[in-house]
Amino acid sequence: MNGFERRRERKKKDILEATLELFMKHGVRKVSIAEIADRASVSQVTIYNYFGSKDQLIYEVIIYYVDKIWGEYDRLFKSKMPFPDKIKRIIFDKKQVANQISGEFLEYIMEEYSAGSNYIEKVYQEKALPQFMELFEVGKAQGYIDQSISNEAILLYIKMFKEYMQQEDVIQNILPITEDFTKLFFFGIAGKSEDTSCK
């Protein structure tokens, strides 16, 4: 990549970052191209030259956001963090909680996914799902997960936890009892006997 291409990619990333920041805070409809241009320190013409229309910019910002979130997950999966702490981060990390972003922007993302977005589905199927399955196998090997439980059931279980976390105001009530929730996640209401509990 030559100097011109690097500058072009840098400018495009600046526009995407500025747009994402504004969409996260204010939603999509309330944010104008003029505001994005001002935040990114570029002209409105430059934005149209790069993206053609606001609709295309919205689409590319969603892709950018999905890539950014996946990058955080990928680093988490590949880290040397203990298995229980990884699960805690996946469930409780406030950065991933939907009420931390504009509800309207989240609706756009969900509409894109519901409409059968090839990109979001591709990231999930080709990147996220294999990493989750590998993580579950590590959990089973280390004794944190019952080996008789299918990975599909565990994935659904995590999804249920996360969807609850994404409800409005839930996170503020849950954070003080994070440890209790983690124990429920791993051991259920009945818990585990002391001699088989995870260290």
C-alpha atoms as a PDB file:
ATOM      1  CA  MET A   1       0.000   0.000   0.000  1.00  0.00           C
ATOM      2  CA  ASN A   2       1.497   3.327  -1.065  1.00  0.00           C
ATOM      3  CA  GLY A   3       1.318   6.615   0.815  1.00  0.00           C
ATOM      4  CA  PHE A   4      -1.807   7.814  -1.013  1.00  0.00           C
ATOM      5  CA  GLU A   5      -3.682   4.598  -0.266  1.00  0.00           C
ATOM      6  CA  ARG A   6      -2.636   4.699   3.386  1.00  0.00           C
ATOM      7  CA  ARG A   7      -3.889   8.275   3.738  1.00  0.00           C
ATOM      8  CA  ARG A   8      -7.139   7.329   2.033  1.00  0.00           C
ATOM      9  CA  GLU A   9      -7.693   4.363   4.348  1.00  0.00           C
ATOM     10  CA  ARG A  10      -6.813   6.491   7.383  1.00  0.00           C
ATOM     11  CA  LYS A  11      -9.337   9.138   6.344  1.00  0.00           C
ATOM     12  CA  LYS A  12     -12.007   6.499   5.729  1.00  0.00           C
ATOM     13  CA  LYS A  13     -11.374   5.021   9.175  1.00  0.00           C
ATOM     14  CA  ASP A  14     -11.604   8.496  10.749  1.00  0.00           C
ATOM     15  CA  ILE A  15     -15.017   8.969   9.106  1.00  0.00           C
ATOM     16  CA  LEU A  16     -16.212   5.543  10.290  1.00  0.00           C
ATOM     17  CA  GLU A  17     -14.971   6.207  13.835  1.00  0.00           C
ATOM     18  CA  ALA A  18     -16.655   9.608  13.951  1.00  0.00           C
ATOM     19  CA  THR A  19     -19.896   8.196  12.558  1.00  0.00           C
ATOM     20  CA  LEU A  20     -19.886   5.282  14.995  1.00  0.00           C
ATOM     21  CA  GLU A  21     -19.284   7.586  17.954  1.00  0.00           C
ATOM     22  CA  LEU A  22     -22.197   9.833  16.941  1.00  0.00           C
ATOM     23  CA  PHE A  23     -24.533   6.928  16.139  1.00  0.00           C
ATOM     24  CA  MET A  24     -23.727   5.242  19.472  1.00  0.00           C
ATOM     25  CA  LYS A  25     -24.643   8.415  21.335  1.00  0.00           C
ATOM     26  CA  HIS A  26     -27.480   9.947  19.311  1.00  0.00           C
ATOM     27  CA  GLY A  27     -28.830   7.252  17.023  1.00  0.00           C
ATOM     28  CA  VAL A  28     -28.854   7.333  13.236  1.00  0.00           C
ATOM     29  CA  ARG A  29     -31.663   9.656  12.179  1.00  0.00           C
ATOM     30  CA  LYS A  30     -30.599  12.589  14.365  1.00  0.00           C
ATOM     31  CA  VAL A  31     -27.036  12.621  13.050  1.00  0.00           C
ATOM     32  CA  SER A  32     -26.405  14.630   9.876  1.00  0.00           C
ATOM     33  CA  ILE A  33     -23.624  14.259   7.347  1.00  0.00           C
ATOM     34  CA  ALA A  34     -22.547  17.781   8.338  1.00  0.00           C
ATOM     35  CA  GLU A  35     -22.077  16.665  11.973  1.00  0.00           C
ATOM     36  CA  ILE A  36     -20.103  13.619  10.872  1.00  0.00           C
ATOM     37  CA  ALA A  37     -17.918  15.747   8.618  1.00  0.00           C
ATOM     38  CA  ASP A  38     -17.243  18.163  11.468  1.00  0.00           C
ATOM     39  CA  ARG A  39     -16.364  15.349  13.906  1.00  0.00           C
ATOM     40  CA  ALA A  40     -14.086  13.639  11.365  1.00  0.00           C
ATOM     41  CA  SER A  41     -12.490  16.935  10.253  1.00  0.00           C
ATOM     42  CA  VAL A  42     -13.375  16.343   6.592  1.00  0.00           C
ATOM     43  CA  SER A  43     -15.749  17.959   4.122  1.00  0.00           C
ATOM     44  CA  GLN A  44     -19.217  16.594   3.395  1.00  0.00           C
ATOM     45  CA  VAL A  45     -18.089  16.104  -0.202  1.00  0.00           C
ATOM     46  CA  THR A  46     -15.312  13.803   1.021  1.00  0.00           C
ATOM     47  CA  ILE A  47     -17.852  11.635   2.857  1.00  0.00           C
ATOM     48  CA  TYR A  48     -20.008  11.338  -0.254  1.00  0.00           C
ATOM     49  CA  ASN A  49     -16.927  10.575  -2.354  1.00  0.00           C
ATOM     50  CA  TYR A  50     -16.027   7.702  -0.018  1.00  0.00           C
ATOM     51  CA  PHE A  51     -19.487   6.307   0.695  1.00  0.00           C
ATOM     52  CA  GLY A  52     -21.892   7.664  -1.910  1.00  0.00           C
ATOM     53  CA  SER A  53     -24.858   8.086   0.436  1.00  0.00           C
ATOM     54  CA  LYS A  54     -25.811   8.107   4.095  1.00  0.00           C
ATOM     55  CA  ASP A  55     -27.449   4.694   3.684  1.00  0.00           C
ATOM     56  CA  GLN A  56     -24.183   3.203   2.429  1.00  0.00           C
ATOM     57  CA  LEU A  57     -22.314   4.899   5.271  1.00  0.00           C
ATOM     58  CA  ILE A  58     -24.741   3.359   7.777  1.00  0.00           C
ATOM     59  CA  TYR A  59     -24.182  -0.078   6.258  1.00  0.00           C
ATOM     60  CA  GLU A  60     -20.398   0.270   6.377  1.00  0.00           C
ATOM     61  CA  VAL A  61     -20.492   1.591   9.954  1.00  0.00           C
ATOM     62  CA  ILE A  62     -22.441  -1.511  11.013  1.00  0.00           C
ATOM     63  CA  ILE A  63     -19.750  -3.697   9.402  1.00  0.00           C
ATOM     64  CA  TYR A  64     -17.060  -1.592  11.094  1.00  0.00           C
ATOM     65  CA  TYR A  65     -18.810  -1.977  14.467  1.00  0.00           C
ATOM     66  CA  VAL A  66     -19.215  -5.744  14.039  1.00  0.00           C
ATOM     67  CA  ASP A  67     -15.506  -6.050  13.186  1.00  0.00           C
ATOM     68  CA  LYS A  68     -14.596  -3.950  16.213  1.00  0.00           C
ATOM     69  CA  ILE A  69     -16.697  -6.057  18.590  1.00  0.00           C
ATOM     70  CA  TRP A  70     -15.320  -9.259  17.084  1.00  0.00           C
ATOM     71  CA  GLY A  71     -11.771  -7.940  17.525  1.00  0.00           C
ATOM     72  CA  GLU A  72     -12.434  -7.522  21.259  1.00  0.00           C
ATOM     73  CA  TYR A  73     -13.851 -11.043  21.501  1.00  0.00           C
ATOM     74  CA  ASP A  74     -10.969 -12.493  19.485  1.00  0.00           C
ATOM     75  CA  ARG A  75      -8.411 -10.953  21.843  1.00  0.00           C
ATOM     76  CA  LEU A  76     -10.391 -12.305  24.793  1.00  0.00           C
ATOM     77  CA  PHE A  77     -10.569 -15.834  23.353  1.00  0.00           C
ATOM     78  CA  LYS A  78      -6.832 -15.855  22.613  1.00  0.00           C
ATOM     79  CA  SER A  79      -5.783 -14.383  25.959  1.00  0.00           C
ATOM     80  CA  LYS A  80      -4.338 -16.432  28.818  1.00  0.00           C
ATOM     81  CA  MET A  81      -7.194 -15.349  31.074  1.00  0.00           C
ATOM     82  CA  PRO A  82      -8.615 -18.257  33.132  1.00  0.00           C
ATOM     83  CA  PHE A  83     -11.715 -19.913  31.684  1.00  0.00           C
ATOM     84  CA  PRO A  84     -14.173 -18.647  34.372  1.00  0.00           C
ATOM     85  CA  ASP A  85     -12.962 -15.060  33.889  1.00  0.00           C
ATOM     86  CA  LYS A  86     -13.483 -15.311  30.125  1.00  0.00           C
ATOM     87  CA  ILE A  87     -17.066 -16.426  30.696  1.00  0.00           C
ATOM     88  CA  LYS A  88     -17.606 -13.538  33.130  1.00  0.00           C
ATOM     89  CA  ARG A  89     -16.311 -11.070  30.558  1.00  0.00           C
ATOM     90  CA  ILE A  90     -18.545 -12.509  27.843  1.00  0.00           C
ATOM     91  CA  ILE A  91     -21.637 -12.239  30.028  1.00  0.00           C
ATOM     92  CA  PHE A  92     -20.982  -9.125  32.087  1.00  0.00           C
ATOM     93  CA  ASP A  93     -18.692  -6.874  30.048  1.00  0.00           C
ATOM     94  CA  LYS A  94     -20.583  -3.591  29.971  1.00  0.00           C
ATOM     95  CA  LYS A  95     -19.057  -2.678  26.629  1.00  0.00           C
ATOM     96  CA  GLN A  96     -21.166  -5.411  25.077  1.00  0.00           C
ATOM     97  CA  VAL A  97     -24.417  -4.422  26.805  1.00  0.00           C
ATOM     98  CA  ALA A  98     -26.939  -3.021  24.390  1.00  0.00           C
ATOM     99  CA  ASN A  99     -28.095  -0.227  26.697  1.00  0.00           C
ATOM    100  CA  GLN A 100     -24.636   1.332  26.368  1.00  0.00           C
ATOM    101  CA  ILE A 101     -25.457   2.325  22.779  1.00  0.00           C
ATOM    102  CA  SER A 102     -28.319   4.209  21.213  1.00  0.00           C
ATOM    103  CA  GLY A 103     -31.406   2.017  20.970  1.00  0.00           C
ATOM    104  CA  GLU A 104     -32.035   3.279  17.468  1.00  0.00           C
ATOM    105  CA  PHE A 105     -28.552   2.301  16.291  1.00  0.00           C
ATOM    106  CA  LEU A 106     -29.016  -1.135  17.850  1.00  0.00           C
ATOM    107  CA  GLU A 107     -32.301  -1.450  15.936  1.00  0.00           C
ATOM    108  CA  TYR A 108     -30.462  -0.740  12.687  1.00  0.00           C
ATOM    109  CA  ILE A 109     -27.951  -3.471  13.508  1.00  0.00           C
ATOM    110  CA  MET A 110     -30.682  -5.966  14.393  1.00  0.00           C
ATOM    111  CA  GLU A 111     -32.652  -5.078  11.255  1.00  0.00           C
ATOM    112  CA  GLU A 112     -29.528  -5.697   9.200  1.00  0.00           C
ATOM    113  CA  TYR A 113     -29.081  -9.077  10.895  1.00  0.00           C
ATOM    114  CA  SER A 114     -32.789  -9.986  10.598  1.00  0.00           C
ATOM    115  CA  ALA A 115     -32.693  -9.105   6.911  1.00  0.00           C
ATOM    116  CA  GLY A 116     -30.166 -11.897   6.474  1.00  0.00           C
ATOM    117  CA  SER A 117     -26.985  -9.839   6.433  1.00  0.00           C
ATOM    118  CA  ASN A 118     -24.406 -12.099   4.861  1.00  0.00           C
ATOM    119  CA  TYR A 119     -21.590 -10.263   6.607  1.00  0.00           C
ATOM    120  CA  ILE A 120     -22.883 -10.541  10.179  1.00  0.00           C
ATOM    121  CA  GLU A 121     -23.867 -14.158   9.671  1.00  0.00           C
ATOM    122  CA  LYS A 122     -20.483 -14.887   8.082  1.00  0.00           C
ATOM    123  CA  VAL A 123     -18.605 -13.430  11.074  1.00  0.00           C
ATOM    124  CA  TYR A 124     -20.745 -15.477  13.445  1.00  0.00           C
ATOM    125  CA  GLN A 125     -20.494 -18.758  11.538  1.00  0.00           C
ATOM    126  CA  GLU A 126     -16.858 -18.549  10.434  1.00  0.00           C
ATOM    127  CA  LYS A 127     -15.241 -16.767  13.378  1.00  0.00           C
ATOM    128  CA  ALA A 128     -17.347 -16.509  16.528  1.00  0.00           C
ATOM    129  CA  LEU A 129     -18.990 -19.940  16.595  1.00  0.00           C
ATOM    130  CA  PRO A 130     -15.739 -21.956  16.176  1.00  0.00           C
ATOM    131  CA  GLN A 131     -14.069 -19.886  18.904  1.00  0.00           C
ATOM    132  CA  PHE A 132     -16.980 -20.443  21.278  1.00  0.00           C
ATOM    133  CA  MET A 133     -16.923 -24.183  20.625  1.00  0.00           C
ATOM    134  CA  GLU A 134     -13.174 -24.289  21.257  1.00  0.00           C
ATOM    135  CA  LEU A 135     -13.658 -22.345  24.500  1.00  0.00           C
ATOM    136  CA  PHE A 136     -16.299 -24.818  25.678  1.00  0.00           C
ATOM    137  CA  GLU A 137     -13.966 -27.731  24.969  1.00  0.00           C
ATOM    138  CA  VAL A 138     -11.305 -26.039  27.125  1.00  0.00           C
ATOM    139  CA  GLY A 139     -13.885 -25.595  29.884  1.00  0.00           C
ATOM    140  CA  LYS A 140     -14.787 -29.278  29.702  1.00  0.00           C
ATOM    141  CA  ALA A 141     -11.138 -30.370  29.703  1.00  0.00           C
ATOM    142  CA  GLN A 142     -10.423 -28.214  32.770  1.00  0.00           C
ATOM    143  CA  GLY A 143     -13.445 -29.523  34.656  1.00  0.00           C
ATOM    144  CA  TYR A 144     -15.505 -26.325  34.615  1.00  0.00           C
ATOM    145  CA  ILE A 145     -18.177 -27.758  32.325  1.00  0.00           C
ATOM    146  CA  ASP A 146     -19.930 -31.118  32.514  1.00  0.00           C
ATOM    147  CA  GLN A 147     -18.677 -33.072  29.504  1.00  0.00           C
ATOM    148  CA  SER A 148     -22.109 -34.614  28.956  1.00  0.00           C
ATOM    149  CA  ILE A 149     -23.624 -31.189  28.116  1.00  0.00           C
ATOM    150  CA  SER A 150     -23.666 -30.327  24.417  1.00  0.00           C
ATOM    151  CA  ASN A 151     -21.884 -27.209  23.162  1.00  0.00           C
ATOM    152  CA  GLU A 152     -25.132 -26.125  21.507  1.00  0.00           C
ATOM    153  CA  ALA A 153     -26.918 -26.099  24.883  1.00  0.00           C
ATOM    154  CA  ILE A 154     -24.084 -24.102  26.479  1.00  0.00           C
ATOM    155  CA  LEU A 155     -24.178 -21.572  23.642  1.00  0.00           C
ATOM    156  CA  LEU A 156     -27.934 -21.117  24.131  1.00  0.00           C
ATOM    157  CA  TYR A 157     -27.393 -20.754  27.887  1.00  0.00           C
ATOM    158  CA  ILE A 158     -24.863 -17.939  27.386  1.00  0.00           C
ATOM    159  CA  LYS A 159     -27.168 -16.276  24.880  1.00  0.00           C
ATOM    160  CA  MET A 160     -30.000 -16.294  27.434  1.00  0.00           C
ATOM    161  CA  PHE A 161     -27.745 -14.698  30.055  1.00  0.00           C
ATOM    162  CA  LYS A 162     -26.525 -12.023  27.631  1.00  0.00           C
ATOM    163  CA  GLU A 163     -30.008 -11.172  26.361  1.00  0.00           C
ATOM    164  CA  TYR A 164     -31.144 -10.614  29.928  1.00  0.00           C
ATOM    165  CA  MET A 165     -28.107  -8.421  30.586  1.00  0.00           C
ATOM    166  CA  GLN A 166     -29.107  -6.274  27.605  1.00  0.00           C
ATOM    167  CA  GLN A 167     -32.423  -5.238  29.118  1.00  0.00           C
ATOM    168  CA  GLU A 168     -32.694  -1.657  30.260  1.00  0.00           C
ATOM    169  CA  ASP A 169     -31.354  -0.970  33.791  1.00  0.00           C
ATOM    170  CA  VAL A 170     -30.620  -4.656  34.431  1.00  0.00           C
ATOM    171  CA  ILE A 171     -26.842  -4.276  34.487  1.00  0.00           C
ATOM    172  CA  GLN A 172     -26.914  -1.834  37.426  1.00  0.00           C
ATOM    173  CA  ASN A 173     -28.827  -4.358  39.534  1.00  0.00           C
ATOM    174  CA  ILE A 174     -26.776  -7.365  38.450  1.00  0.00           C
ATOM    175  CA  LEU A 175     -23.226  -6.027  38.887  1.00  0.00           C
ATOM    176  CA  PRO A 176     -23.299  -6.169  42.727  1.00  0.00           C
ATOM    177  CA  ILE A 177     -24.169  -9.883  42.573  1.00  0.00           C
ATOM    178  CA  THR A 178     -21.887 -10.848  39.689  1.00  0.00           C
ATOM    179  CA  GLU A 179     -20.235 -13.610  41.727  1.00  0.00           C
ATOM    180  CA  ASP A 180     -23.620 -15.150  42.569  1.00  0.00           C
ATOM    181  CA  PHE A 181     -24.635 -15.053  38.915  1.00  0.00           C
ATOM    182  CA  THR A 182     -21.355 -16.680  37.904  1.00  0.00           C
ATOM    183  CA  LYS A 183     -21.912 -19.507  40.406  1.00  0.00           C
ATOM    184  CA  LEU A 184     -25.431 -19.990  39.054  1.00  0.00           C
ATOM    185  CA  PHE A 185     -24.036 -20.119  35.539  1.00  0.00           C
ATOM    186  CA  PHE A 186     -21.496 -22.827  36.361  1.00  0.00           C
ATOM    187  CA  PHE A 187     -23.257 -24.846  39.057  1.00  0.00           C
ATOM    188  CA  GLY A 188     -26.996 -24.115  38.802  1.00  0.00           C
ATOM    189  CA  ILE A 189     -29.254 -23.606  41.805  1.00  0.00           C
ATOM    190  CA  ALA A 190     -28.299 -26.958  43.358  1.00  0.00           C
ATOM    191  CA  GLY A 191     -24.595 -26.120  43.171  1.00  0.00           C
ATOM    192  CA  LYS A 192     -21.810 -28.689  43.292  1.00  0.00           C
ATOM    193  CA  SER A 193     -20.440 -30.680  46.164  1.00  0.00           C
ATOM    194  CA  GLU A 194     -17.228 -29.320  47.702  1.00  0.00           C
ATOM    195  CA  ASP A 195     -15.084 -32.235  46.546  1.00  0.00           C
ATOM    196  CA  THR A 196     -15.940 -31.693  42.872  1.00  0.00           C
ATOM    197  CA  SER A 197     -16.021 -27.893  42.818  1.00  0.00           C
ATOM    198  CA  CYS A 198     -13.759 -26.001  40.427  1.00  0.00           C
ATOM    199  CA  LYS A 199     -10.600 -24.505  41.781  1.00  0.00           C
END
